[in-house]
Amino acid sequence: MNKDRRKQLEDVKDSLDEIIASLNDIKDEEQDAYDNMPESLQSSDNGSRMTDAIDAIDGAISSVEEAQRHIDEAAA
């Protein structure tokens, strides 16, 4: 792989870092909202949807991190 394509891959990885940071911010906000709910509401349908969303965001973060690992392999 030439220098220009390696630079393009590095730029993509930087963009993915920004995406991970944004996803973490959203997840943290959702977790804070859930944590600040009364316990009776945490066990409600809304609370369940919130925890499902938090788990899904965690999965998205893991997937983006995996994509970064693949980019590292391609650039090696």
N, C-alpha and C. Protein backbone atom coordinates (compact mmCIF):
# COMPACT_ATOMS: atom_id res chain seq x y z
N MET A 1 0.85 -1.17 0.00
CA MET A 1 0.00 0.00 0.00
C MET A 1 0.90 1.24 0.00
N ASN A 2 0.52 2.20 -0.81
CA ASN A 2 1.37 3.39 -0.88
C ASN A 2 1.04 4.39 0.22
N LYS A 3 1.87 5.40 0.31
CA LYS A 3 1.78 6.41 1.37
C LYS A 3 0.44 7.14 1.34
N ASP A 4 -0.05 7.48 0.15
CA ASP A 4 -1.31 8.22 0.04
C ASP A 4 -2.50 7.41 0.56
N ARG A 5 -2.54 6.14 0.20
CA ARG A 5 -3.65 5.31 0.68
C ARG A 5 -3.54 5.06 2.18
N ARG A 6 -2.32 4.92 2.69
CA ARG A 6 -2.16 4.78 4.14
C ARG A 6 -2.67 6.04 4.86
N LYS A 7 -2.40 7.20 4.27
CA LYS A 7 -2.88 8.47 4.84
C LYS A 7 -4.40 8.52 4.80
N GLN A 8 -4.99 8.05 3.71
CA GLN A 8 -6.46 8.01 3.63
C GLN A 8 -7.04 7.11 4.71
N LEU A 9 -6.41 5.96 4.92
CA LEU A 9 -6.87 5.06 5.98
C LEU A 9 -6.73 5.71 7.35
N GLU A 10 -5.64 6.42 7.57
CA GLU A 10 -5.45 7.11 8.84
C GLU A 10 -6.54 8.17 9.04
N ASP A 11 -6.90 8.86 7.98
CA ASP A 11 -7.97 9.85 8.06
C ASP A 11 -9.31 9.20 8.42
N VAL A 12 -9.56 8.04 7.83
CA VAL A 12 -10.78 7.30 8.14
C VAL A 12 -10.78 6.90 9.62
N LYS A 13 -9.63 6.40 10.09
CA LYS A 13 -9.54 6.03 11.51
C LYS A 13 -9.79 7.22 12.42
N ASP A 14 -9.28 8.39 12.04
CA ASP A 14 -9.54 9.60 12.83
C ASP A 14 -11.03 9.92 12.87
N SER A 15 -11.69 9.77 11.74
CA SER A 15 -13.14 10.00 11.69
C SER A 15 -13.87 9.00 12.59
N LEU A 16 -13.40 7.76 12.58
CA LEU A 16 -14.01 6.74 13.43
C LEU A 16 -13.79 7.06 14.91
N ASP A 17 -12.63 7.64 15.25
CA ASP A 17 -12.40 8.07 16.64
C ASP A 17 -13.44 9.10 17.06
N GLU A 18 -13.76 10.02 16.16
CA GLU A 18 -14.78 11.03 16.46
C GLU A 18 -16.14 10.39 16.63
N ILE A 19 -16.45 9.42 15.81
CA ILE A 19 -17.72 8.70 15.92
C ILE A 19 -17.80 7.98 17.26
N ILE A 20 -16.72 7.32 17.65
CA ILE A 20 -16.70 6.62 18.94
C ILE A 20 -16.92 7.60 20.08
N ALA A 21 -16.27 8.75 20.02
CA ALA A 21 -16.44 9.76 21.07
C ALA A 21 -17.89 10.23 21.14
N SER A 22 -18.51 10.45 19.98
CA SER A 22 -19.91 10.88 19.96
C SER A 22 -20.82 9.79 20.52
N LEU A 23 -20.58 8.56 20.12
CA LEU A 23 -21.39 7.45 20.65
C LEU A 23 -21.24 7.32 22.15
N ASN A 24 -20.02 7.48 22.65
CA ASN A 24 -19.81 7.42 24.09
C ASN A 24 -20.54 8.54 24.82
N ASP A 25 -20.54 9.73 24.24
CA ASP A 25 -21.27 10.85 24.85
C ASP A 25 -22.76 10.55 24.92
N ILE A 26 -23.32 10.05 23.83
CA ILE A 26 -24.75 9.72 23.80
C ILE A 26 -25.06 8.62 24.80
N LYS A 27 -24.22 7.60 24.83
CA LYS A 27 -24.43 6.48 25.77
C LYS A 27 -24.38 6.98 27.21
N ASP A 28 -23.40 7.84 27.51
CA ASP A 28 -23.27 8.37 28.86
C ASP A 28 -24.50 9.20 29.26
N GLU A 29 -25.00 9.99 28.33
CA GLU A 29 -26.20 10.79 28.61
C GLU A 29 -27.40 9.89 28.87
N GLU A 30 -27.54 8.86 28.06
CA GLU A 30 -28.66 7.93 28.25
C GLU A 30 -28.51 7.17 29.58
N GLN A 31 -27.29 6.78 29.91
CA GLN A 31 -27.06 6.09 31.17
C GLN A 31 -27.35 7.00 32.35
N ASP A 32 -26.94 8.27 32.26
CA ASP A 32 -27.24 9.23 33.33
C ASP A 32 -28.74 9.43 33.48
N ALA A 33 -29.45 9.53 32.35
CA ALA A 33 -30.90 9.70 32.40
C ALA A 33 -31.54 8.49 33.07
N TYR A 34 -31.08 7.31 32.70
CA TYR A 34 -31.60 6.08 33.30
C TYR A 34 -31.30 6.04 34.80
N ASP A 35 -30.06 6.36 35.16
CA ASP A 35 -29.65 6.30 36.57
C ASP A 35 -30.42 7.30 37.43
N ASN A 36 -30.86 8.39 36.83
CA ASN A 36 -31.58 9.42 37.58
C ASN A 36 -33.08 9.20 37.62
N MET A 37 -33.55 8.14 36.98
CA MET A 37 -34.97 7.79 37.03
C MET A 37 -35.28 7.12 38.37
N PRO A 38 -36.48 7.31 38.86
CA PRO A 38 -36.89 6.53 40.04
C PRO A 38 -36.84 5.04 39.71
N GLU A 39 -36.56 4.25 40.71
CA GLU A 39 -36.44 2.80 40.50
C GLU A 39 -37.68 2.21 39.87
N SER A 40 -38.84 2.71 40.26
CA SER A 40 -40.08 2.16 39.71
C SER A 40 -40.16 2.40 38.20
N LEU A 41 -39.60 3.50 37.72
CA LEU A 41 -39.60 3.77 36.28
C LEU A 41 -38.50 3.02 35.56
N GLN A 42 -37.41 2.71 36.27
CA GLN A 42 -36.33 1.96 35.64
C GLN A 42 -36.81 0.58 35.21
N SER A 43 -37.74 0.02 35.95
CA SER A 43 -38.24 -1.31 35.62
C SER A 43 -39.44 -1.26 34.67
N SER A 44 -39.79 -0.07 34.20
CA SER A 44 -40.91 0.08 33.27
C SER A 44 -40.45 -0.21 31.84
N ASP A 45 -41.40 -0.17 30.92
CA ASP A 45 -41.07 -0.37 29.51
C ASP A 45 -40.07 0.68 29.02
N ASN A 46 -40.26 1.92 29.46
CA ASN A 46 -39.35 2.99 29.06
C ASN A 46 -37.94 2.72 29.58
N GLY A 47 -37.82 2.29 30.81
CA GLY A 47 -36.52 1.97 31.37
C GLY A 47 -35.86 0.82 30.62
N SER A 48 -36.66 -0.17 30.25
CA SER A 48 -36.14 -1.30 29.49
C SER A 48 -35.65 -0.86 28.12
N ARG A 49 -36.39 0.04 27.47
CA ARG A 49 -35.96 0.55 26.17
C ARG A 49 -34.65 1.34 26.31
N MET A 50 -34.52 2.04 27.41
CA MET A 50 -33.28 2.81 27.63
C MET A 50 -32.08 1.87 27.79
N THR A 51 -32.23 0.82 28.57
CA THR A 51 -31.11 -0.10 28.75
C THR A 51 -30.81 -0.85 27.45
N ASP A 52 -31.86 -1.15 26.67
CA ASP A 52 -31.63 -1.77 25.36
C ASP A 52 -30.83 -0.83 24.46
N ALA A 53 -31.17 0.46 24.49
CA ALA A 53 -30.45 1.45 23.68
C ALA A 53 -29.00 1.56 24.12
N ILE A 54 -28.77 1.56 25.41
CA ILE A 54 -27.39 1.63 25.95
C ILE A 54 -26.59 0.43 25.47
N ASP A 55 -27.19 -0.75 25.55
CA ASP A 55 -26.52 -1.97 25.09
C ASP A 55 -26.24 -1.92 23.58
N ALA A 56 -27.20 -1.40 22.81
CA ALA A 56 -27.02 -1.31 21.36
C ALA A 56 -25.90 -0.33 21.01
N ILE A 57 -25.83 0.77 21.74
CA ILE A 57 -24.75 1.74 21.50
C ILE A 57 -23.41 1.12 21.84
N ASP A 58 -23.35 0.36 22.93
CA ASP A 58 -22.11 -0.36 23.27
C ASP A 58 -21.70 -1.29 22.13
N GLY A 59 -22.68 -1.97 21.54
CA GLY A 59 -22.40 -2.85 20.41
C GLY A 59 -21.88 -2.07 19.22
N ALA A 60 -22.46 -0.90 18.97
CA ALA A 60 -22.00 -0.07 17.86
C ALA A 60 -20.56 0.38 18.08
N ILE A 61 -20.25 0.76 19.31
CA ILE A 61 -18.88 1.18 19.64
C ILE A 61 -17.91 0.03 19.39
N SER A 62 -18.27 -1.15 19.82
CA SER A 62 -17.41 -2.33 19.60
C SER A 62 -17.21 -2.59 18.11
N SER A 63 -18.25 -2.42 17.33
CA SER A 63 -18.15 -2.64 15.90
C SER A 63 -17.23 -1.62 15.23
N VAL A 64 -17.33 -0.38 15.65
CA VAL A 64 -16.46 0.66 15.08
C VAL A 64 -15.01 0.39 15.48
N GLU A 65 -14.80 -0.03 16.73
CA GLU A 65 -13.44 -0.36 17.16
C GLU A 65 -12.89 -1.54 16.36
N GLU A 66 -13.75 -2.50 16.05
CA GLU A 66 -13.32 -3.63 15.23
C GLU A 66 -12.94 -3.16 13.83
N ALA A 67 -13.71 -2.24 13.29
CA ALA A 67 -13.40 -1.68 11.98
C ALA A 67 -12.02 -1.00 12.01
N GLN A 68 -11.72 -0.31 13.09
CA GLN A 68 -10.42 0.32 13.22
C GLN A 68 -9.29 -0.72 13.22
N ARG A 69 -9.52 -1.84 13.89
CA ARG A 69 -8.51 -2.90 13.90
C ARG A 69 -8.27 -3.44 12.49
N HIS A 70 -9.35 -3.59 11.73
CA HIS A 70 -9.22 -4.06 10.36
C HIS A 70 -8.46 -3.04 9.50
N ILE A 71 -8.71 -1.79 9.74
CA ILE A 71 -7.99 -0.74 9.00
C ILE A 71 -6.50 -0.81 9.33
N ASP A 72 -6.20 -1.03 10.61
CA ASP A 72 -4.78 -1.18 11.01
C ASP A 72 -4.13 -2.34 10.27
N GLU A 73 -4.85 -3.45 10.16
CA GLU A 73 -4.32 -4.62 9.45
C GLU A 73 -4.09 -4.29 7.98
N ALA A 74 -5.01 -3.56 7.38
CA ALA A 74 -4.89 -3.22 5.96
C ALA A 74 -3.70 -2.29 5.72
N ALA A 75 -3.46 -1.42 6.67
CA ALA A 75 -2.38 -0.42 6.50
C ALA A 75 -1.01 -0.99 6.83
N ALA A 76 -0.97 -2.15 7.48
CA ALA A 76 0.31 -2.72 7.90
C ALA A 76 1.12 -3.23 6.74
